[in-house]
Amino acid sequence: MSKSNFVIDRLVKLIEQGIISYKDLSTEIVNILKSKRDEIIFKMKITSKEETEILSKRIEKLEKKIQSLEKKKSPKKSK
Protein backbone atom coordinates (compact mmCIF):
# COMPACT_ATOMS: atom_id res chain seq x y z
CA MET A 1 0.00 0.00 0.00
CA SER A 2 2.86 2.37 0.78
CA LYS A 3 4.29 1.86 -2.72
CA SER A 4 1.04 2.95 -4.34
CA ASN A 5 0.95 5.94 -2.00
CA PHE A 6 4.44 6.84 -3.15
CA VAL A 7 3.39 6.94 -6.80
CA ILE A 8 0.23 8.90 -5.98
CA ASP A 9 2.22 11.39 -3.89
CA ARG A 10 4.65 11.90 -6.75
CA LEU A 11 1.78 12.54 -9.18
CA VAL A 12 0.19 15.03 -6.81
CA LYS A 13 3.49 16.90 -6.46
CA LEU A 14 3.82 17.05 -10.24
CA ILE A 15 0.35 18.49 -10.60
CA GLU A 16 1.04 21.01 -7.84
CA GLN A 17 4.23 22.13 -9.56
CA GLY A 18 2.21 23.07 -12.60
CA ILE A 19 3.08 20.39 -15.10
CA ILE A 20 0.14 20.78 -17.43
CA SER A 21 1.40 19.34 -20.67
CA TYR A 22 0.28 15.75 -21.26
CA LYS A 23 3.63 14.84 -22.75
CA ASP A 24 5.55 16.11 -19.73
CA LEU A 25 3.20 14.30 -17.40
CA SER A 26 3.45 11.04 -19.32
CA THR A 27 7.27 11.17 -19.41
CA GLU A 28 7.38 11.82 -15.67
CA ILE A 29 5.07 8.87 -15.01
CA VAL A 30 7.25 6.62 -17.15
CA ASN A 31 10.38 7.82 -15.34
CA ILE A 32 8.81 7.18 -11.92
CA LEU A 33 7.76 3.68 -12.92
CA LYS A 34 11.18 2.88 -14.40
CA SER A 35 12.92 4.00 -11.24
CA LYS A 36 10.63 1.86 -9.10
CA ARG A 37 11.26 -1.11 -11.41
CA ASP A 38 15.01 -0.62 -11.09
CA GLU A 39 14.71 -0.44 -7.29
CA ILE A 40 12.76 -3.70 -7.19
CA ILE A 41 15.27 -5.47 -9.44
CA PHE A 42 18.14 -4.18 -7.33
CA LYS A 43 16.48 -5.33 -4.09
CA MET A 44 15.90 -8.78 -5.54
CA LYS A 45 19.61 -8.89 -6.46
CA ILE A 46 18.78 -10.41 -9.82
CA THR A 47 21.29 -8.37 -11.79
CA SER A 48 23.14 -5.11 -11.47
CA LYS A 49 21.95 -2.01 -13.28
CA GLU A 50 24.76 -2.26 -15.82
CA GLU A 51 23.98 -5.89 -16.58
CA THR A 52 20.31 -5.05 -17.00
CA GLU A 53 21.13 -2.26 -19.43
CA ILE A 54 23.45 -4.51 -21.44
CA LEU A 55 20.81 -7.24 -21.61
CA SER A 56 18.10 -4.80 -22.68
CA LYS A 57 20.34 -3.44 -25.46
CA ARG A 58 21.03 -6.98 -26.67
CA ILE A 59 17.30 -7.73 -26.69
CA GLU A 60 16.62 -4.54 -28.68
CA LYS A 61 19.24 -5.54 -31.27
CA LEU A 62 17.74 -9.01 -31.59
CA GLU A 63 14.24 -7.57 -32.00
CA LYS A 64 15.49 -5.28 -34.76
CA LYS A 65 17.13 -8.22 -36.54
CA ILE A 66 13.92 -10.25 -36.29
CA GLN A 67 11.89 -7.37 -37.70
CA SER A 68 14.31 -6.88 -40.59
CA LEU A 69 14.24 -10.61 -41.37
CA GLU A 70 10.45 -10.61 -41.31
CA LYS A 71 10.40 -7.68 -43.74
CA LYS A 72 12.82 -9.44 -46.09
CA LYS A 73 10.83 -12.63 -45.97
CA SER A 74 8.30 -12.44 -48.75
CA PRO A 75 5.09 -14.48 -48.70
CA LYS A 76 5.15 -17.45 -51.06
CA LYS A 77 2.54 -17.44 -53.77
CA SER A 78 0.59 -20.63 -54.33
CA LYS A 79 0.50 -22.09 -57.81
PDB file of N, CA and C in Angstrom:
ATOM      1  N   MET A   1       0.818  -1.189   0.000  1.00  0.00           N
ATOM      2  CA  MET A   1       0.000   0.000   0.000  1.00  0.00           C
ATOM      3  C   MET A   1       0.865   1.257   0.000  1.00  0.00           C
ATOM      4  N   SER A   2       1.988   1.200   0.707  1.00  0.00           N
ATOM      5  CA  SER A   2       2.861   2.373   0.778  1.00  0.00           C
ATOM      6  C   SER A   2       3.484   2.682  -0.579  1.00  0.00           C
ATOM      7  N   LYS A   3       3.710   1.641  -1.397  1.00  0.00           N
ATOM      8  CA  LYS A   3       4.289   1.864  -2.718  1.00  0.00           C
ATOM      9  C   LYS A   3       3.303   2.604  -3.622  1.00  0.00           C
ATOM     10  N   SER A   4       2.029   2.246  -3.533  1.00  0.00           N
ATOM     11  CA  SER A   4       1.043   2.954  -4.340  1.00  0.00           C
ATOM     12  C   SER A   4       0.886   4.391  -3.844  1.00  0.00           C
ATOM     13  N   ASN A   5       1.008   4.587  -2.542  1.00  0.00           N
ATOM     14  CA  ASN A   5       0.951   5.944  -2.003  1.00  0.00           C
ATOM     15  C   ASN A   5       2.125   6.767  -2.491  1.00  0.00           C
ATOM     16  N   PHE A   6       3.266   6.142  -2.643  1.00  0.00           N
ATOM     17  CA  PHE A   6       4.443   6.838  -3.148  1.00  0.00           C
ATOM     18  C   PHE A   6       4.194   7.371  -4.551  1.00  0.00           C
ATOM     19  N   VAL A   7       3.663   6.532  -5.418  1.00  0.00           N
ATOM     20  CA  VAL A   7       3.391   6.940  -6.797  1.00  0.00           C
ATOM     21  C   VAL A   7       2.337   8.038  -6.824  1.00  0.00           C
ATOM     22  N   ILE A   8       1.293   7.892  -6.024  1.00  0.00           N
ATOM     23  CA  ILE A   8       0.231   8.905  -5.977  1.00  0.00           C
ATOM     24  C   ILE A   8       0.783  10.228  -5.459  1.00  0.00           C
ATOM     25  N   ASP A   9       1.614  10.171  -4.417  1.00  0.00           N
ATOM     26  CA  ASP A   9       2.216  11.395  -3.886  1.00  0.00           C
ATOM     27  C   ASP A   9       3.075  12.091  -4.926  1.00  0.00           C
ATOM     28  N   ARG A  10       3.826  11.302  -5.700  1.00  0.00           N
ATOM     29  CA  ARG A  10       4.653  11.903  -6.751  1.00  0.00           C
ATOM     30  C   ARG A  10       3.790  12.588  -7.806  1.00  0.00           C
ATOM     31  N   LEU A  11       2.686  11.943  -8.181  1.00  0.00           N
ATOM     32  CA  LEU A  11       1.784  12.541  -9.175  1.00  0.00           C
ATOM     33  C   LEU A  11       1.168  13.832  -8.656  1.00  0.00           C
ATOM     34  N   VAL A  12       0.778  13.835  -7.396  1.00  0.00           N
ATOM     35  CA  VAL A  12       0.189  15.035  -6.806  1.00  0.00           C
ATOM     36  C   VAL A  12       1.203  16.168  -6.795  1.00  0.00           C
ATOM     37  N   LYS A  13       2.450  15.872  -6.453  1.00  0.00           N
ATOM     38  CA  LYS A  13       3.491  16.899  -6.459  1.00  0.00           C
ATOM     39  C   LYS A  13       3.703  17.461  -7.856  1.00  0.00           C
ATOM     40  N   LEU A  14       3.654  16.583  -8.862  1.00  0.00           N
ATOM     41  CA  LEU A  14       3.825  17.051 -10.243  1.00  0.00           C
ATOM     42  C   LEU A  14       2.703  17.998 -10.650  1.00  0.00           C
ATOM     43  N   ILE A  15       1.492  17.644 -10.261  1.00  0.00           N
ATOM     44  CA  ILE A  15       0.350  18.495 -10.602  1.00  0.00           C
ATOM     45  C   ILE A  15       0.453  19.824  -9.866  1.00  0.00           C
ATOM     46  N   GLU A  16       0.883  19.777  -8.611  1.00  0.00           N
ATOM     47  CA  GLU A  16       1.041  21.006  -7.836  1.00  0.00           C
ATOM     48  C   GLU A  16       2.112  21.909  -8.433  1.00  0.00           C
ATOM     49  N   GLN A  17       3.140  21.342  -8.992  1.00  0.00           N
ATOM     50  CA  GLN A  17       4.227  22.126  -9.560  1.00  0.00           C
ATOM     51  C   GLN A  17       3.830  22.780 -10.882  1.00  0.00           C
ATOM     52  N   GLY A  18       2.698  22.398 -11.409  1.00  0.00           N
ATOM     53  CA  GLY A  18       2.207  23.068 -12.599  1.00  0.00           C
ATOM     54  C   GLY A  18       2.537  22.383 -13.899  1.00  0.00           C
ATOM     55  N   ILE A  19       2.838  21.111 -13.854  1.00  0.00           N
ATOM     56  CA  ILE A  19       3.076  20.394 -15.098  1.00  0.00           C
ATOM     57  C   ILE A  19       1.715  20.150 -15.723  1.00  0.00           C
ATOM     58  N   ILE A  20       1.452  20.840 -16.806  1.00  0.00           N
ATOM     59  CA  ILE A  20       0.140  20.778 -17.432  1.00  0.00           C
ATOM     60  C   ILE A  20       0.180  19.964 -18.709  1.00  0.00           C
ATOM     61  N   SER A  21       1.283  20.017 -19.378  1.00  0.00           N
ATOM     62  CA  SER A  21       1.396  19.344 -20.667  1.00  0.00           C
ATOM     63  C   SER A  21       1.276  17.834 -20.488  1.00  0.00           C
ATOM     64  N   TYR A  22       0.477  17.208 -21.324  1.00  0.00           N
ATOM     65  CA  TYR A  22       0.279  15.753 -21.260  1.00  0.00           C
ATOM     66  C   TYR A  22       1.580  15.009 -21.500  1.00  0.00           C
ATOM     67  N   LYS A  23       2.379  15.509 -22.433  1.00  0.00           N
ATOM     68  CA  LYS A  23       3.632  14.835 -22.753  1.00  0.00           C
ATOM     69  C   LYS A  23       4.580  14.874 -21.566  1.00  0.00           C
ATOM     70  N   ASP A  24       4.695  16.019 -20.913  1.00  0.00           N
ATOM     71  CA  ASP A  24       5.552  16.112 -19.735  1.00  0.00           C
ATOM     72  C   ASP A  24       5.064  15.188 -18.635  1.00  0.00           C
ATOM     73  N   LEU A  25       3.774  15.148 -18.444  1.00  0.00           N
ATOM     74  CA  LEU A  25       3.203  14.299 -17.403  1.00  0.00           C
ATOM     75  C   LEU A  25       3.446  12.827 -17.711  1.00  0.00           C
ATOM     76  N   SER A  26       3.253  12.447 -18.961  1.00  0.00           N
ATOM     77  CA  SER A  26       3.451  11.036 -19.323  1.00  0.00           C
ATOM     78  C   SER A  26       4.922  10.629 -19.192  1.00  0.00           C
ATOM     79  N   THR A  27       5.847  11.506 -19.558  1.00  0.00           N
ATOM     80  CA  THR A  27       7.269  11.166 -19.408  1.00  0.00           C
ATOM     81  C   THR A  27       7.654  11.057 -17.939  1.00  0.00           C
ATOM     82  N   GLU A  28       7.091  11.907 -17.100  1.00  0.00           N
ATOM     83  CA  GLU A  28       7.377  11.824 -15.667  1.00  0.00           C
ATOM     84  C   GLU A  28       6.835  10.531 -15.076  1.00  0.00           C
ATOM     85  N   ILE A  29       5.643  10.122 -15.502  1.00  0.00           N
ATOM     86  CA  ILE A  29       5.065   8.870 -15.010  1.00  0.00           C
ATOM     87  C   ILE A  29       5.934   7.689 -15.421  1.00  0.00           C
ATOM     88  N   VAL A  30       6.390   7.698 -16.663  1.00  0.00           N
ATOM     89  CA  VAL A  30       7.251   6.617 -17.147  1.00  0.00           C
ATOM     90  C   VAL A  30       8.561   6.593 -16.361  1.00  0.00           C
ATOM     91  N   ASN A  31       9.133   7.757 -16.096  1.00  0.00           N
ATOM     92  CA  ASN A  31      10.377   7.821 -15.337  1.00  0.00           C
ATOM     93  C   ASN A  31      10.202   7.305 -13.912  1.00  0.00           C
ATOM     94  N   ILE A  32       9.086   7.652 -13.285  1.00  0.00           N
ATOM     95  CA  ILE A  32       8.805   7.180 -11.924  1.00  0.00           C
ATOM     96  C   ILE A  32       8.690   5.667 -11.915  1.00  0.00           C
ATOM     97  N   LEU A  33       7.952   5.127 -12.872  1.00  0.00           N
ATOM     98  CA  LEU A  33       7.762   3.678 -12.917  1.00  0.00           C
ATOM     99  C   LEU A  33       9.066   2.945 -13.224  1.00  0.00           C
ATOM    100  N   LYS A  34       9.884   3.504 -14.097  1.00  0.00           N
ATOM    101  CA  LYS A  34      11.177   2.879 -14.398  1.00  0.00           C
ATOM    102  C   LYS A  34      12.080   2.872 -13.175  1.00  0.00           C
ATOM    103  N   SER A  35      12.078   3.961 -12.432  1.00  0.00           N
ATOM    104  CA  SER A  35      12.923   4.004 -11.240  1.00  0.00           C
ATOM    105  C   SER A  35      12.460   2.995 -10.199  1.00  0.00           C
ATOM    106  N   LYS A  36      11.147   2.847 -10.044  1.00  0.00           N
ATOM    107  CA  LYS A  36      10.625   1.858  -9.097  1.00  0.00           C
ATOM    108  C   LYS A  36      10.974   0.446  -9.568  1.00  0.00           C
ATOM    109  N   ARG A  37      10.902   0.199 -10.865  1.00  0.00           N
ATOM    110  CA  ARG A  37      11.265  -1.108 -11.408  1.00  0.00           C
ATOM    111  C   ARG A  37      12.727  -1.419 -11.126  1.00  0.00           C
ATOM    112  N   ASP A  38      13.589  -0.429 -11.344  1.00  0.00           N
ATOM    113  CA  ASP A  38      15.011  -0.622 -11.089  1.00  0.00           C
ATOM    114  C   ASP A  38      15.278  -0.897  -9.613  1.00  0.00           C
ATOM    115  N   GLU A  39      14.551  -0.207  -8.730  1.00  0.00           N
ATOM    116  CA  GLU A  39      14.714  -0.439  -7.293  1.00  0.00           C
ATOM    117  C   GLU A  39      14.322  -1.866  -6.926  1.00  0.00           C
ATOM    118  N   ILE A  40      13.226  -2.344  -7.495  1.00  0.00           N
ATOM    119  CA  ILE A  40      12.758  -3.701  -7.195  1.00  0.00           C
ATOM    120  C   ILE A  40      13.764  -4.727  -7.683  1.00  0.00           C
ATOM    121  N   ILE A  41      14.279  -4.543  -8.886  1.00  0.00           N
ATOM    122  CA  ILE A  41      15.267  -5.474  -9.443  1.00  0.00           C
ATOM    123  C   ILE A  41      16.530  -5.460  -8.588  1.00  0.00           C
ATOM    124  N   PHE A  42      16.935  -4.274  -8.161  1.00  0.00           N
ATOM    125  CA  PHE A  42      18.138  -4.176  -7.330  1.00  0.00           C
ATOM    126  C   PHE A  42      17.935  -4.864  -5.987  1.00  0.00           C
ATOM    127  N   LYS A  43      16.760  -4.697  -5.383  1.00  0.00           N
ATOM    128  CA  LYS A  43      16.483  -5.327  -4.094  1.00  0.00           C
ATOM    129  C   LYS A  43      16.433  -6.840  -4.211  1.00  0.00           C
ATOM    130  N   MET A  44      15.969  -7.332  -5.345  1.00  0.00           N
ATOM    131  CA  MET A  44      15.898  -8.779  -5.541  1.00  0.00           C
ATOM    132  C   MET A  44      17.265  -9.362  -5.870  1.00  0.00           C
ATOM    133  N   LYS A  45      18.236  -8.493  -6.142  1.00  0.00           N
ATOM    134  CA  LYS A  45      19.607  -8.889  -6.460  1.00  0.00           C
ATOM    135  C   LYS A  45      19.658  -9.846  -7.649  1.00  0.00           C
ATOM    136  N   ILE A  46      18.790  -9.595  -8.612  1.00  0.00           N
ATOM    137  CA  ILE A  46      18.781 -10.409  -9.823  1.00  0.00           C
ATOM    138  C   ILE A  46      20.005 -10.074 -10.662  1.00  0.00           C
ATOM    139  N   THR A  47      20.129  -8.830 -11.024  1.00  0.00           N
ATOM    140  CA  THR A  47      21.288  -8.372 -11.791  1.00  0.00           C
ATOM    141  C   THR A  47      21.603  -6.947 -11.376  1.00  0.00           C
ATOM    142  N   SER A  48      22.787  -6.498 -11.726  1.00  0.00           N
ATOM    143  CA  SER A  48      23.140  -5.111 -11.466  1.00  0.00           C
ATOM    144  C   SER A  48      22.509  -4.231 -12.544  1.00  0.00           C
ATOM    145  N   LYS A  49      22.545  -2.950 -12.317  1.00  0.00           N
ATOM    146  CA  LYS A  49      21.954  -2.011 -13.275  1.00  0.00           C
ATOM    147  C   LYS A  49      22.674  -2.084 -14.623  1.00  0.00           C
ATOM    148  N   GLU A  50      23.986  -2.200 -14.575  1.00  0.00           N
ATOM    149  CA  GLU A  50      24.761  -2.258 -15.820  1.00  0.00           C
ATOM    150  C   GLU A  50      24.425  -3.526 -16.605  1.00  0.00           C
ATOM    151  N   GLU A  51      24.316  -4.642 -15.901  1.00  0.00           N
ATOM    152  CA  GLU A  51      23.976  -5.894 -16.578  1.00  0.00           C
ATOM    153  C   GLU A  51      22.589  -5.813 -17.199  1.00  0.00           C
ATOM    154  N   THR A  52      21.669  -5.198 -16.483  1.00  0.00           N
ATOM    155  CA  THR A  52      20.309  -5.049 -16.997  1.00  0.00           C
ATOM    156  C   THR A  52      20.303  -4.199 -18.256  1.00  0.00           C
ATOM    157  N   GLU A  53      21.069  -3.120 -18.244  1.00  0.00           N
ATOM    158  CA  GLU A  53      21.132  -2.256 -19.428  1.00  0.00           C
ATOM    159  C   GLU A  53      21.745  -2.989 -20.613  1.00  0.00           C
ATOM    160  N   ILE A  54      22.795  -3.752 -20.367  1.00  0.00           N
ATOM    161  CA  ILE A  54      23.447  -4.507 -21.445  1.00  0.00           C
ATOM    162  C   ILE A  54      22.477  -5.528 -22.029  1.00  0.00           C
ATOM    163  N   LEU A  55      21.772  -6.236 -21.146  1.00  0.00           N
ATOM    164  CA  LEU A  55      20.812  -7.236 -21.614  1.00  0.00           C
ATOM    165  C   LEU A  55      19.670  -6.595 -22.401  1.00  0.00           C
ATOM    166  N   SER A  56      19.191  -5.454 -21.941  1.00  0.00           N
ATOM    167  CA  SER A  56      18.100  -4.800 -22.677  1.00  0.00           C
ATOM    168  C   SER A  56      18.567  -4.325 -24.046  1.00  0.00           C
ATOM    169  N   LYS A  57      19.806  -3.858 -24.154  1.00  0.00           N
ATOM    170  CA  LYS A  57      20.344  -3.445 -25.458  1.00  0.00           C
ATOM    171  C   LYS A  57      20.470  -4.643 -26.392  1.00  0.00           C
ATOM    172  N   ARG A  58      20.906  -5.778 -25.853  1.00  0.00           N
ATOM    173  CA  ARG A  58      21.028  -6.984 -26.675  1.00  0.00           C
ATOM    174  C   ARG A  58      19.656  -7.434 -27.165  1.00  0.00           C
ATOM    175  N   ILE A  59      18.662  -7.335 -26.302  1.00  0.00           N
ATOM    176  CA  ILE A  59      17.304  -7.727 -26.692  1.00  0.00           C
ATOM    177  C   ILE A  59      16.789  -6.797 -27.782  1.00  0.00           C
ATOM    178  N   GLU A  60      17.048  -5.493 -27.652  1.00  0.00           N
ATOM    179  CA  GLU A  60      16.617  -4.541 -28.679  1.00  0.00           C
ATOM    180  C   GLU A  60      17.259  -4.859 -30.026  1.00  0.00           C
ATOM    181  N   LYS A  61      18.548  -5.187 -30.027  1.00  0.00           N
ATOM    182  CA  LYS A  61      19.242  -5.537 -31.274  1.00  0.00           C
ATOM    183  C   LYS A  61      18.626  -6.776 -31.900  1.00  0.00           C
ATOM    184  N   LEU A  62      18.339  -7.779 -31.070  1.00  0.00           N
ATOM    185  CA  LEU A  62      17.742  -9.006 -31.587  1.00  0.00           C
ATOM    186  C   LEU A  62      16.347  -8.749 -32.160  1.00  0.00           C
ATOM    187  N   GLU A  63      15.573  -7.902 -31.486  1.00  0.00           N
ATOM    188  CA  GLU A  63      14.238  -7.567 -31.995  1.00  0.00           C
ATOM    189  C   GLU A  63      14.327  -6.858 -33.334  1.00  0.00           C
ATOM    190  N   LYS A  64      15.306  -5.968 -33.485  1.00  0.00           N
ATOM    191  CA  LYS A  64      15.485  -5.278 -34.756  1.00  0.00           C
ATOM    192  C   LYS A  64      15.869  -6.253 -35.868  1.00  0.00           C
ATOM    193  N   LYS A  65      16.737  -7.221 -35.547  1.00  0.00           N
ATOM    194  CA  LYS A  65      17.128  -8.216 -36.536  1.00  0.00           C
ATOM    195  C   LYS A  65      15.928  -9.070 -36.947  1.00  0.00           C
ATOM    196  N   ILE A  66      15.112  -9.447 -35.988  1.00  0.00           N
ATOM    197  CA  ILE A  66      13.920 -10.247 -36.289  1.00  0.00           C
ATOM    198  C   ILE A  66      12.979  -9.471 -37.193  1.00  0.00           C
ATOM    199  N   GLN A  67      12.775  -8.185 -36.874  1.00  0.00           N
ATOM    200  CA  GLN A  67      11.892  -7.370 -37.703  1.00  0.00           C
ATOM    201  C   GLN A  67      12.430  -7.216 -39.116  1.00  0.00           C
ATOM    202  N   SER A  68      13.741  -7.036 -39.237  1.00  0.00           N
ATOM    203  CA  SER A  68      14.309  -6.882 -40.585  1.00  0.00           C
ATOM    204  C   SER A  68      14.200  -8.185 -41.363  1.00  0.00           C
ATOM    205  N   LEU A  69      14.379  -9.319 -40.695  1.00  0.00           N
ATOM    206  CA  LEU A  69      14.238 -10.610 -41.372  1.00  0.00           C
ATOM    207  C   LEU A  69      12.793 -10.857 -41.790  1.00  0.00           C
ATOM    208  N   GLU A  70      11.855 -10.440 -40.957  1.00  0.00           N
ATOM    209  CA  GLU A  70      10.450 -10.611 -41.314  1.00  0.00           C
ATOM    210  C   GLU A  70      10.074  -9.743 -42.506  1.00  0.00           C
ATOM    211  N   LYS A  71      10.673  -8.561 -42.608  1.00  0.00           N
ATOM    212  CA  LYS A  71      10.397  -7.681 -43.738  1.00  0.00           C
ATOM    213  C   LYS A  71      10.993  -8.250 -45.024  1.00  0.00           C
ATOM    214  N   LYS A  72      12.174  -8.851 -44.916  1.00  0.00           N
ATOM    215  CA  LYS A  72      12.816  -9.442 -46.092  1.00  0.00           C
ATOM    216  C   LYS A  72      12.097 -10.674 -46.569  1.00  0.00           C
ATOM    217  N   LYS A  73      11.544 -11.398 -45.634  1.00  0.00           N
ATOM    218  CA  LYS A  73      10.834 -12.630 -45.973  1.00  0.00           C
ATOM    219  C   LYS A  73       9.548 -12.269 -46.731  1.00  0.00           C
ATOM    220  N   SER A  74       9.470 -12.742 -47.952  1.00  0.00           N
ATOM    221  CA  SER A  74       8.300 -12.443 -48.754  1.00  0.00           C
ATOM    222  C   SER A  74       7.340 -13.630 -48.699  1.00  0.00           C
ATOM    223  N   PRO A  75       6.045 -13.372 -48.729  1.00  0.00           N
ATOM    224  CA  PRO A  75       5.085 -14.477 -48.704  1.00  0.00           C
ATOM    225  C   PRO A  75       5.151 -15.290 -50.013  1.00  0.00           C
ATOM    226  N   LYS A  76       5.107 -16.586 -49.879  1.00  0.00           N
ATOM    227  CA  LYS A  76       5.154 -17.454 -51.061  1.00  0.00           C
ATOM    228  C   LYS A  76       3.775 -17.496 -51.717  1.00  0.00           C
ATOM    229  N   LYS A  77       3.786 -17.395 -53.042  1.00  0.00           N
ATOM    230  CA  LYS A  77       2.543 -17.437 -53.767  1.00  0.00           C
ATOM    231  C   LYS A  77       2.239 -18.889 -54.132  1.00  0.00           C
ATOM    232  N   SER A  78       0.982 -19.253 -53.982  1.00  0.00           N
ATOM    233  CA  SER A  78       0.594 -20.626 -54.328  1.00  0.00           C
ATOM    234  C   SER A  78       0.349 -20.730 -55.827  1.00  0.00           C
ATOM    235  N   LYS A  79       0.673 -21.881 -56.370  1.00  0.00           N
ATOM    236  CA  LYS A  79       0.499 -22.088 -57.814  1.00  0.00           C
ATOM    237  C   LYS A  79      -0.762 -22.821 -58.113  1.00  0.00           C
TER     238      LYS A  79
END
